PDB file of N, CA and C in Angstrom:
ATOM      1  N   MET A   1      87.983  80.636  98.643  1.00  0.00           N
ATOM      2  CA  MET A   1      88.450  81.335  98.003  1.00  0.00           C
ATOM      3  C   MET A   1      88.216  82.098  96.813  1.00  0.00           C
ATOM      4  N   THR A   2      87.171  82.152  96.103  1.00  0.00           N
ATOM      5  CA  THR A   2      86.805  82.568  95.087  1.00  0.00           C
ATOM      6  C   THR A   2      87.871  83.155  93.707  1.00  0.00           C
ATOM      7  N   LYS A   3      87.829  82.604  93.146  1.00  0.00           N
ATOM      8  CA  LYS A   3      89.202  82.739  91.400  1.00  0.00           C
ATOM      9  C   LYS A   3      88.380  84.001  90.728  1.00  0.00           C
ATOM     10  N   LEU A   4      88.759  85.183  90.708  1.00  0.00           N
ATOM     11  CA  LEU A   4      88.697  85.997  89.720  1.00  0.00           C
ATOM     12  C   LEU A   4      88.665  85.343  88.913  1.00  0.00           C
ATOM     13  N   PRO A   5      88.169  86.353  87.559  1.00  0.00           N
ATOM     14  CA  PRO A   5      88.193  85.986  85.958  1.00  0.00           C
ATOM     15  C   PRO A   5      89.081  87.233  85.392  1.00  0.00           C
ATOM     16  N   SER A   6      89.454  87.160  84.329  1.00  0.00           N
ATOM     17  CA  SER A   6      89.885  87.853  83.921  1.00  0.00           C
ATOM     18  C   SER A   6      89.657  89.134  83.235  1.00  0.00           C
ATOM     19  N   LEU A   7      89.920  90.524  83.481  1.00  0.00           N
ATOM     20  CA  LEU A   7      88.789  91.268  83.046  1.00  0.00           C
ATOM     21  C   LEU A   7      89.062  92.724  81.974  1.00  0.00           C
ATOM     22  N   SER A   8      88.370  93.261  81.732  1.00  0.00           N
ATOM     23  CA  SER A   8      88.803  94.338  80.692  1.00  0.00           C
ATOM     24  C   SER A   8      88.946  95.510  81.930  1.00  0.00           C
ATOM     25  N   SER A   9      89.683  96.398  81.727  1.00  0.00           N
ATOM     26  CA  SER A   9      89.695  97.808  82.068  1.00  0.00           C
ATOM     27  C   SER A   9      87.944  98.781  82.154  1.00  0.00           C
ATOM     28  N   ARG A  10      87.617  98.279  81.180  1.00  0.00           N
ATOM     29  CA  ARG A  10      86.067  98.834  80.825  1.00  0.00           C
ATOM     30  C   ARG A  10      84.953  97.646  82.098  1.00  0.00           C
ATOM     31  N   GLN A  11      84.867  96.852  81.798  1.00  0.00           N
ATOM     32  CA  GLN A  11      84.083  95.826  83.482  1.00  0.00           C
ATOM     33  C   GLN A  11      84.610  96.560  84.480  1.00  0.00           C
ATOM     34  N   ILE A  12      86.100  96.649  84.809  1.00  0.00           N
ATOM     35  CA  ILE A  12      86.568  96.879  86.117  1.00  0.00           C
ATOM     36  C   ILE A  12      85.779  98.636  86.196  1.00  0.00           C
ATOM     37  N   VAL A  13      85.845  99.275  85.527  1.00  0.00           N
ATOM     38  CA  VAL A  13      85.413 100.558  85.989  1.00  0.00           C
ATOM     39  C   VAL A  13      83.975 100.566  86.106  1.00  0.00           C
ATOM     40  N   GLN A  14      82.803 100.124  85.247  1.00  0.00           N
ATOM     41  CA  GLN A  14      81.958  99.640  85.289  1.00  0.00           C
ATOM     42  C   GLN A  14      81.691  98.823  86.786  1.00  0.00           C
ATOM     43  N   THR A  15      82.463  98.033  86.935  1.00  0.00           N
ATOM     44  CA  THR A  15      81.897  97.565  88.339  1.00  0.00           C
ATOM     45  C   THR A  15      82.354  98.646  89.410  1.00  0.00           C
ATOM     46  N   LEU A  16      82.796  99.270  89.189  1.00  0.00           N
ATOM     47  CA  LEU A  16      83.830 100.531  90.280  1.00  0.00           C
ATOM     48  C   LEU A  16      82.455 101.397  90.464  1.00  0.00           C
ATOM     49  N   ARG A  17      81.942 101.772  89.219  1.00  0.00           N
ATOM     50  CA  ARG A  17      80.880 102.735  89.117  1.00  0.00           C
ATOM     51  C   ARG A  17      79.464 101.931  89.822  1.00  0.00           C
ATOM     52  N   ARG A  18      79.377 101.136  90.042  1.00  0.00           N
ATOM     53  CA  ARG A  18      78.340 100.195  90.646  1.00  0.00           C
ATOM     54  C   ARG A  18      78.308 100.737  92.459  1.00  0.00           C
ATOM     55  N   ALA A  19      80.288 100.253  92.518  1.00  0.00           N
ATOM     56  CA  ALA A  19      80.169 100.262  94.035  1.00  0.00           C
ATOM     57  C   ALA A  19      80.219 102.089  94.528  1.00  0.00           C
ATOM     58  N   GLY A  20      79.765 102.575  93.555  1.00  0.00           N
ATOM     59  CA  GLY A  20      79.794 103.778  94.560  1.00  0.00           C
ATOM     60  C   GLY A  20      81.078 104.342  93.928  1.00  0.00           C
ATOM     61  N   PHE A  21      81.629 104.457  93.321  1.00  0.00           N
ATOM     62  CA  PHE A  21      82.855 104.898  92.806  1.00  0.00           C
ATOM     63  C   PHE A  21      82.233 105.884  91.486  1.00  0.00           C
ATOM     64  N   VAL A  22      82.955 106.948  92.152  1.00  0.00           N
ATOM     65  CA  VAL A  22      83.131 108.146  90.264  1.00  0.00           C
ATOM     66  C   VAL A  22      84.221 109.136  89.304  1.00  0.00           C
ATOM     67  N   GLU A  23      84.364 109.062  88.814  1.00  0.00           N
ATOM     68  CA  GLU A  23      85.353 109.434  88.238  1.00  0.00           C
ATOM     69  C   GLU A  23      86.065 111.284  88.660  1.00  0.00           C
ATOM     70  N   ALA A  24      87.641 111.041  89.459  1.00  0.00           N
ATOM     71  CA  ALA A  24      88.671 112.265  89.601  1.00  0.00           C
ATOM     72  C   ALA A  24      88.243 113.255  89.134  1.00  0.00           C
ATOM     73  N   PRO A  25      88.187 114.438  89.031  1.00  0.00           N
ATOM     74  CA  PRO A  25      88.634 115.227  87.817  1.00  0.00           C
ATOM     75  C   PRO A  25      89.888 115.647  87.476  1.00  0.00           C
ATOM     76  N   ASP A  26      90.366 115.201  86.673  1.00  0.00           N
ATOM     77  CA  ASP A  26      91.843 116.044  86.687  1.00  0.00           C
ATOM     78  C   ASP A  26      93.598 115.302  87.096  1.00  0.00           C
ATOM     79  N   ARG A  27      92.951 113.672  87.126  1.00  0.00           N
ATOM     80  CA  ARG A  27      93.713 112.718  88.225  1.00  0.00           C
ATOM     81  C   ARG A  27      94.177 111.846  87.321  1.00  0.00           C
ATOM     82  N   GLY A  28      93.184 111.263  86.295  1.00  0.00           N
ATOM     83  CA  GLY A  28      93.824 110.403  84.918  1.00  0.00           C
ATOM     84  C   GLY A  28      95.072 111.015  83.791  1.00  0.00           C
ATOM     85  N   LYS A  29      96.144 110.570  84.224  1.00  0.00           N
ATOM     86  CA  LYS A  29      96.918 110.735  83.339  1.00  0.00           C
ATOM     87  C   LYS A  29      97.439 109.827  82.620  1.00  0.00           C
ATOM     88  N   GLY A  30      97.330 110.092  81.287  1.00  0.00           N
ATOM     89  CA  GLY A  30      97.861 109.182  79.684  1.00  0.00           C
ATOM     90  C   GLY A  30      96.642 107.914  79.936  1.00  0.00           C
ATOM     91  N   SER A  31      97.521 106.536  80.397  1.00  0.00           N
ATOM     92  CA  SER A  31      96.961 105.495  79.784  1.00  0.00           C
ATOM     93  C   SER A  31      95.695 104.480  81.251  1.00  0.00           C
ATOM     94  N   HIS A  32      96.161 105.462  82.529  1.00  0.00           N
ATOM     95  CA  HIS A  32      95.663 105.528  83.483  1.00  0.00           C
ATOM     96  C   HIS A  32      94.202 106.251  83.565  1.00  0.00           C
ATOM     97  N   ARG A  33      93.059 105.294  84.253  1.00  0.00           N
ATOM     98  CA  ARG A  33      91.688 106.848  85.059  1.00  0.00           C
ATOM     99  C   ARG A  33      91.585 106.563  86.862  1.00  0.00           C
ATOM    100  N   ALA A  34      91.281 107.757  87.012  1.00  0.00           N
ATOM    101  CA  ALA A  34      91.553 107.780  88.956  1.00  0.00           C
ATOM    102  C   ALA A  34      90.347 107.872  88.948  1.00  0.00           C
ATOM    103  N   PHE A  35      89.160 107.442  89.812  1.00  0.00           N
ATOM    104  CA  PHE A  35      88.550 106.930  90.990  1.00  0.00           C
ATOM    105  C   PHE A  35      88.087 107.570  92.052  1.00  0.00           C
ATOM    106  N   TYR A  36      87.441 107.816  92.569  1.00  0.00           N
ATOM    107  CA  TYR A  36      87.220 108.003  94.322  1.00  0.00           C
ATOM    108  C   TYR A  36      85.843 107.688  94.721  1.00  0.00           C
ATOM    109  N   ARG A  37      85.825 107.300  95.943  1.00  0.00           N
ATOM    110  CA  ARG A  37      84.784 107.374  97.009  1.00  0.00           C
ATOM    111  C   ARG A  37      84.540 108.014  98.225  1.00  0.00           C
ATOM    112  N   ALA A  38      83.942 108.130  99.107  1.00  0.00           N
ATOM    113  CA  ALA A  38      84.597 108.371 100.435  1.00  0.00           C
ATOM    114  C   ALA A  38      83.977 107.079 100.864  1.00  0.00           C
ATOM    115  N   ASP A  39      84.656 106.134 102.270  1.00  0.00           N
ATOM    116  CA  ASP A  39      84.374 105.191 103.070  1.00  0.00           C
ATOM    117  C   ASP A  39      82.498 105.606 103.579  1.00  0.00           C
ATOM    118  N   PRO A  40      82.587 104.268 104.611  1.00  0.00           N
ATOM    119  CA  PRO A  40      81.497 104.455 105.577  1.00  0.00           C
ATOM    120  C   PRO A  40      82.559 105.431 107.224  1.00  0.00           C
ATOM    121  N   SER A  41      83.563 105.289 107.192  1.00  0.00           N
ATOM    122  CA  SER A  41      84.563 106.149 108.146  1.00  0.00           C
ATOM    123  C   SER A  41      84.869 107.022 107.735  1.00  0.00           C
ATOM    124  N   GLY A  42      84.402 107.731 106.251  1.00  0.00           N
ATOM    125  CA  GLY A  42      84.802 109.408 105.700  1.00  0.00           C
ATOM    126  C   GLY A  42      86.421 109.361 104.836  1.00  0.00           C
ATOM    127  N   HIS A  43      87.300 108.476 105.162  1.00  0.00           N
ATOM    128  CA  HIS A  43      88.901 108.096 104.246  1.00  0.00           C
ATOM    129  C   HIS A  43      88.050 108.273 102.564  1.00  0.00           C
ATOM    130  N   ILE A  44      88.438 108.369 102.282  1.00  0.00           N
ATOM    131  CA  ILE A  44      88.188 108.949 100.614  1.00  0.00           C
ATOM    132  C   ILE A  44      89.184 108.119 100.182  1.00  0.00           C
ATOM    133  N   ARG A  45      88.762 107.317  99.318  1.00  0.00           N
ATOM    134  CA  ARG A  45      89.756 106.076  98.742  1.00  0.00           C
ATOM    135  C   ARG A  45      89.735 106.656  97.208  1.00  0.00           C
ATOM    136  N   LEU A  46      90.938 106.138  96.741  1.00  0.00           N
ATOM    137  CA  LEU A  46      91.482 106.799  95.430  1.00  0.00           C
ATOM    138  C   LEU A  46      92.011 105.489  94.687  1.00  0.00           C
ATOM    139  N   VAL A  47      90.927 104.670  93.801  1.00  0.00           N
ATOM    140  CA  VAL A  47      91.360 103.840  92.976  1.00  0.00           C
ATOM    141  C   VAL A  47      92.253 103.970  91.465  1.00  0.00           C
ATOM    142  N   ILE A  48      93.257 104.038  90.960  1.00  0.00           N
ATOM    143  CA  ILE A  48      93.629 103.671  89.738  1.00  0.00           C
ATOM    144  C   ILE A  48      93.438 102.441  88.892  1.00  0.00           C
ATOM    145  N   VAL A  49      92.576 102.975  87.418  1.00  0.00           N
ATOM    146  CA  VAL A  49      92.822 101.964  86.634  1.00  0.00           C
ATOM    147  C   VAL A  49      93.669 101.839  85.407  1.00  0.00           C
ATOM    148  N   PRO A  50      94.679 101.038  84.962  1.00  0.00           N
ATOM    149  CA  PRO A  50      95.252 101.287  83.965  1.00  0.00           C
ATOM    150  C   PRO A  50      94.061 101.098  82.406  1.00  0.00           C
ATOM    151  N   GLN A  51      94.285 101.773  81.394  1.00  0.00           N
ATOM    152  CA  GLN A  51      92.823 101.128  80.057  1.00  0.00           C
ATOM    153  C   GLN A  51      94.358 100.303  79.489  1.00  0.00           C
ATOM    154  N   GLY A  52      93.438  98.889  79.415  1.00  0.00           N
ATOM    155  CA  GLY A  52      93.756  98.132  78.614  1.00  0.00           C
ATOM    156  C   GLY A  52      92.918  96.846  77.998  1.00  0.00           C
ATOM    157  N   LYS A  53      93.205  96.268  77.387  1.00  0.00           N
ATOM    158  CA  LYS A  53      92.259  95.361  77.301  1.00  0.00           C
ATOM    159  C   LYS A  53      92.010  94.157  78.199  1.00  0.00           C
ATOM    160  N   ASP A  54      93.206  93.499  79.198  1.00  0.00           N
ATOM    161  CA  ASP A  54      93.167  92.362  80.262  1.00  0.00           C
ATOM    162  C   ASP A  54      93.839  92.354  80.597  1.00  0.00           C
ATOM    163  N   ILE A  55      93.374  93.063  81.870  1.00  0.00           N
ATOM    164  CA  ILE A  55      93.891  93.516  83.481  1.00  0.00           C
ATOM    165  C   ILE A  55      94.641  92.621  84.051  1.00  0.00           C
ATOM    166  N   PRO A  56      95.249  92.203  84.503  1.00  0.00           N
ATOM    167  CA  PRO A  56      96.729  91.080  85.136  1.00  0.00           C
ATOM    168  C   PRO A  56      95.106  90.514  86.309  1.00  0.00           C
ATOM    169  N   ARG A  57      95.402  89.672  86.721  1.00  0.00           N
ATOM    170  CA  ARG A  57      95.121  89.280  87.569  1.00  0.00           C
ATOM    171  C   ARG A  57      95.227  90.637  89.195  1.00  0.00           C
ATOM    172  N   GLY A  58      96.577  90.088  89.247  1.00  0.00           N
ATOM    173  CA  GLY A  58      97.543  90.960  90.187  1.00  0.00           C
ATOM    174  C   GLY A  58      97.139  92.485  90.518  1.00  0.00           C
ATOM    175  N   THR A  59      97.033  93.076  89.355  1.00  0.00           N
ATOM    176  CA  THR A  59      96.528  94.133  89.288  1.00  0.00           C
ATOM    177  C   THR A  59      94.953  94.412  89.646  1.00  0.00           C
ATOM    178  N   LEU A  60      94.922  93.851  89.441  1.00  0.00           N
ATOM    179  CA  LEU A  60      93.122  93.484  89.814  1.00  0.00           C
ATOM    180  C   LEU A  60      93.056  93.755  91.273  1.00  0.00           C
ATOM    181  N   LEU A  61      93.741  92.887  91.725  1.00  0.00           N
ATOM    182  CA  LEU A  61      93.811  92.484  93.518  1.00  0.00           C
ATOM    183  C   LEU A  61      94.089  94.033  93.601  1.00  0.00           C
ATOM    184  N   ALA A  62      95.313  94.249  93.884  1.00  0.00           N
ATOM    185  CA  ALA A  62      95.712  95.741  93.812  1.00  0.00           C
ATOM    186  C   ALA A  62      94.420  97.054  93.762  1.00  0.00           C
ATOM    187  N   ILE A  63      93.682  96.707  92.592  1.00  0.00           N
ATOM    188  CA  ILE A  63      92.620  98.310  92.388  1.00  0.00           C
ATOM    189  C   ILE A  63      91.723  97.630  93.852  1.00  0.00           C
ATOM    190  N   LEU A  64      91.013  96.311  93.651  1.00  0.00           N
ATOM    191  CA  LEU A  64      90.818  95.556  94.771  1.00  0.00           C
ATOM    192  C   LEU A  64      91.363  96.192  96.636  1.00  0.00           C
ATOM    193  N   ASP A  65      92.119  96.232  96.492  1.00  0.00           N
ATOM    194  CA  ASP A  65      92.809  96.654  97.873  1.00  0.00           C
ATOM    195  C   ASP A  65      92.405  98.128  97.920  1.00  0.00           C
ATOM    196  N   GLN A  66      92.895  99.118  96.456  1.00  0.00           N
ATOM    197  CA  GLN A  66      92.985 100.396  96.892  1.00  0.00           C
ATOM    198  C   GLN A  66      90.794 100.657  97.381  1.00  0.00           C
ATOM    199  N   ALA A  67      90.900  99.997  96.558  1.00  0.00           N
ATOM    200  CA  ALA A  67      88.941 100.277  96.872  1.00  0.00           C
ATOM    201  C   ALA A  67      87.848  99.690  97.657  1.00  0.00           C
ATOM    202  N   GLY A  68      88.878  99.032  98.633  1.00  0.00           N
ATOM    203  CA  GLY A  68      87.980  98.225  99.802  1.00  0.00           C
ATOM    204  C   GLY A  68      87.013  97.495  99.754  1.00  0.00           C
ATOM    205  N   LEU A  69      87.389  97.079  98.878  1.00  0.00           N
ATOM    206  CA  LEU A  69      86.442  95.956  98.457  1.00  0.00           C
ATOM    207  C   LEU A  69      86.809  94.505  98.154  1.00  0.00           C
ATOM    208  N   SER A  70      86.425  93.240  99.193  1.00  0.00           N
ATOM    209  CA  SER A  70      86.865  92.330  99.515  1.00  0.00           C
ATOM    210  C   SER A  70      86.252  91.520  97.587  1.00  0.00           C
ATOM    211  N   ARG A  71      86.373  90.435  97.205  1.00  0.00           N
ATOM    212  CA  ARG A  71      86.309  90.060  95.418  1.00  0.00           C
ATOM    213  C   ARG A  71      85.242  89.329  96.002  1.00  0.00           C
ATOM    214  N   GLU A  72      84.201  88.756  96.811  1.00  0.00           N
ATOM    215  CA  GLU A  72      82.716  88.405  97.131  1.00  0.00           C
ATOM    216  C   GLU A  72      82.180  89.422  97.283  1.00  0.00           C
ATOM    217  N   GLU A  73      82.131  91.203  97.083  1.00  0.00           N
ATOM    218  CA  GLU A  73      81.602  92.324  97.271  1.00  0.00           C
ATOM    219  C   GLU A  73      81.670  92.195  95.666  1.00  0.00           C
ATOM    220  N   PHE A  74      82.620  93.061  95.371  1.00  0.00           N
ATOM    221  CA  PHE A  74      83.310  93.099  93.751  1.00  0.00           C
ATOM    222  C   PHE A  74      82.293  91.990  92.630  1.00  0.00           C
ATOM    223  N   LEU A  75      82.479  90.711  92.970  1.00  0.00           N
ATOM    224  CA  LEU A  75      82.224  89.435  91.630  1.00  0.00           C
ATOM    225  C   LEU A  75      80.372  90.095  91.957  1.00  0.00           C
ATOM    226  N   ARG A  76      79.311  90.043  93.306  1.00  0.00           N
ATOM    227  CA  ARG A  76      78.599  90.363  93.510  1.00  0.00           C
ATOM    228  C   ARG A  76      78.218  91.715  92.397  1.00  0.00           C
ATOM    229  N   LEU A  77      78.715  92.904  92.855  1.00  0.00           N
ATOM    230  CA  LEU A  77      78.786  93.926  91.566  1.00  0.00           C
ATOM    231  C   LEU A  77      79.108  93.807  90.470  1.00  0.00           C
ATOM    232  N   LEU A  78      79.756  92.613  89.982  1.00  0.00           N
ATOM    233  CA  LEU A  78      80.163  92.819  88.503  1.00  0.00           C
ATOM    234  C   LEU A  78      79.262  91.998  87.692  1.00  0.00           C
TER     235      LEU A  78
END
């Protein structure tokens, strides 16, 4: 299993955009931003990304789960 690096919210947002996510209008509140995309089965995936310098690895894993991305897919897009 590949170890995830420590990333900023900006790096995570850029990677999600490369994966096809777009910002959800009127969903981000305060210190969080929301992104969405439809997966191949047509299910809409909503991902919430907290804004800040370094995002803890546990939070990054939760974001990957919300996005439906594996660690390997995410690292390739990074």
